[in-house]
Protein backbone atom coordinates (compact mmCIF):
# COMPACT_ATOMS: atom_id res chain seq x y z
CA MET A 1 45.80 39.47 21.75
CA ARG A 2 43.66 41.62 23.99
CA VAL A 3 45.68 42.07 27.20
CA TYR A 4 44.31 43.43 30.48
CA ILE A 5 46.72 45.53 32.57
CA ALA A 6 46.46 45.00 36.34
CA GLY A 7 48.40 46.91 38.93
CA PRO A 8 48.26 49.11 42.01
CA MET A 9 46.54 52.50 41.89
CA ALA A 10 45.63 53.56 45.42
CA GLY A 11 48.33 55.28 47.41
CA ILE A 12 50.51 55.91 44.37
CA PRO A 13 50.92 59.48 43.05
CA GLY A 14 48.63 60.07 40.10
CA GLY A 15 47.06 56.66 40.66
CA ASN A 16 50.02 55.05 38.86
CA LYS A 17 48.57 56.23 35.52
CA GLU A 18 52.03 56.64 34.01
CA ALA A 19 52.96 53.00 34.61
CA PHE A 20 49.65 51.82 33.13
CA ALA A 21 50.11 54.06 30.07
CA ALA A 22 53.70 52.93 29.58
CA ARG A 23 52.73 49.25 29.71
CA ALA A 24 49.82 49.90 27.32
CA GLU A 25 52.25 51.45 24.83
CA GLU A 26 54.66 48.50 25.17
CA LEU A 27 51.78 46.11 24.47
CA ARG A 28 50.65 48.18 21.49
CA GLN A 29 54.18 48.18 20.07
CA ALA A 30 54.24 44.39 20.41
CA GLY A 31 51.05 44.13 18.33
CA HIS A 32 48.57 43.59 21.18
CA GLU A 33 45.43 45.46 22.13
CA PRO A 34 45.92 46.78 25.68
CA VAL A 35 42.99 47.11 28.06
CA ASN A 36 43.90 49.84 30.54
CA PRO A 37 41.55 50.11 33.54
CA TRP A 38 42.09 53.87 33.51
CA ASP A 39 40.23 53.90 30.18
CA ILE A 40 37.26 51.81 31.33
CA ASP A 41 34.01 53.67 31.93
CA PRO A 42 32.58 52.58 35.31
CA GLU A 43 29.07 53.42 34.09
CA GLN A 44 29.10 50.61 31.50
CA HIS A 45 27.76 47.98 33.88
CA GLU A 46 24.13 47.62 34.82
CA GLY A 47 23.02 47.85 38.40
CA PRO A 48 23.84 50.02 41.38
CA CYS A 49 27.23 51.51 42.13
CA LEU A 50 28.23 49.56 45.25
CA GLY A 51 31.33 48.82 47.22
CA GLY A 52 32.87 51.35 49.55
CA ILE A 53 34.18 54.87 49.25
CA PRO A 54 34.30 57.11 46.16
CA THR A 55 37.45 56.46 44.12
CA ASN A 56 37.40 59.16 41.45
CA GLU A 57 36.13 62.58 40.48
CA ASN A 58 32.79 61.08 39.35
CA ASP A 59 32.15 59.67 42.83
CA HIS A 60 32.13 56.10 41.58
CA LEU A 61 32.73 53.56 44.28
CA TYR A 62 35.47 50.95 44.41
CA GLY A 63 33.05 48.11 43.70
CA CYS A 64 31.55 49.98 40.76
CA ASN A 65 34.97 50.40 39.15
CA LEU A 66 36.00 46.82 39.88
CA ARG A 67 32.77 45.44 38.35
CA ALA A 68 33.41 47.37 35.13
CA ASP A 69 37.05 46.24 35.09
CA ILE A 70 36.20 42.56 35.63
CA MET A 71 33.63 42.76 32.82
CA GLN A 72 36.39 43.88 30.45
CA LEU A 73 38.84 41.30 31.81
CA MET A 74 36.39 38.55 30.86
CA PHE A 75 36.86 39.45 27.18
CA CYS A 76 40.66 39.48 27.27
CA ASP A 77 43.09 36.84 26.06
CA ALA A 78 45.76 37.46 28.72
CA ILE A 79 46.65 39.64 31.70
CA THR A 80 49.84 41.51 32.49
CA LEU A 81 50.78 42.56 36.02
CA LEU A 82 52.52 45.78 36.98
CA PRO A 83 55.04 45.82 39.82
CA GLY A 84 53.34 45.90 43.22
CA TRP A 85 50.16 44.21 41.97
CA GLU A 86 50.28 41.72 44.83
CA ASN A 87 49.82 44.58 47.33
CA SER A 88 46.70 45.85 45.59
CA LYS A 89 43.27 44.51 46.55
CA GLY A 90 41.86 45.20 43.07
CA ALA A 91 44.82 43.90 41.07
CA SER A 92 44.98 40.77 43.26
CA THR A 93 41.31 40.17 42.56
CA GLU A 94 41.87 40.66 38.82
CA GLU A 95 44.85 38.29 38.86
CA HIS A 96 42.80 35.68 40.72
CA VAL A 97 39.92 35.92 38.23
CA ALA A 98 42.31 35.75 35.25
CA ARG A 99 44.12 32.72 36.67
CA SER A 100 40.81 31.05 37.56
CA ILE A 101 39.51 31.30 33.99
CA GLY A 102 42.81 30.15 32.52
CA LEU A 103 44.18 33.38 31.07
CA PRO A 104 47.93 33.41 30.54
CA ILE A 105 49.93 35.91 32.54
CA MET A 106 52.18 37.98 30.29
CA ARG A 107 55.40 39.08 31.88
CA LYS A 108 57.11 42.30 30.89
CA GLU A 109 59.59 41.54 28.09
């Protein structure tokens, strides 16, 4: 299964990259294909880069990153949620979209 990883980034040292990478490795070991938002290129979507303040070294905006992430989420078979996801605007949006389209939520084993 292709599994999207959702979780908090903002306000966490290093953007919580370690937790995303660790969950991706767990999913890989379980035979799944992880989709880590840290690996998604925000320039893959068409249209302007909209939505707030720059969020990374390439000066992409929050909305630009979220659009690219949601595009990838739409091609996943499930979503997994990192601790603290419910306090993250982006992860909460991703969870809502996943639930709305009927994706199963994978819990950490």
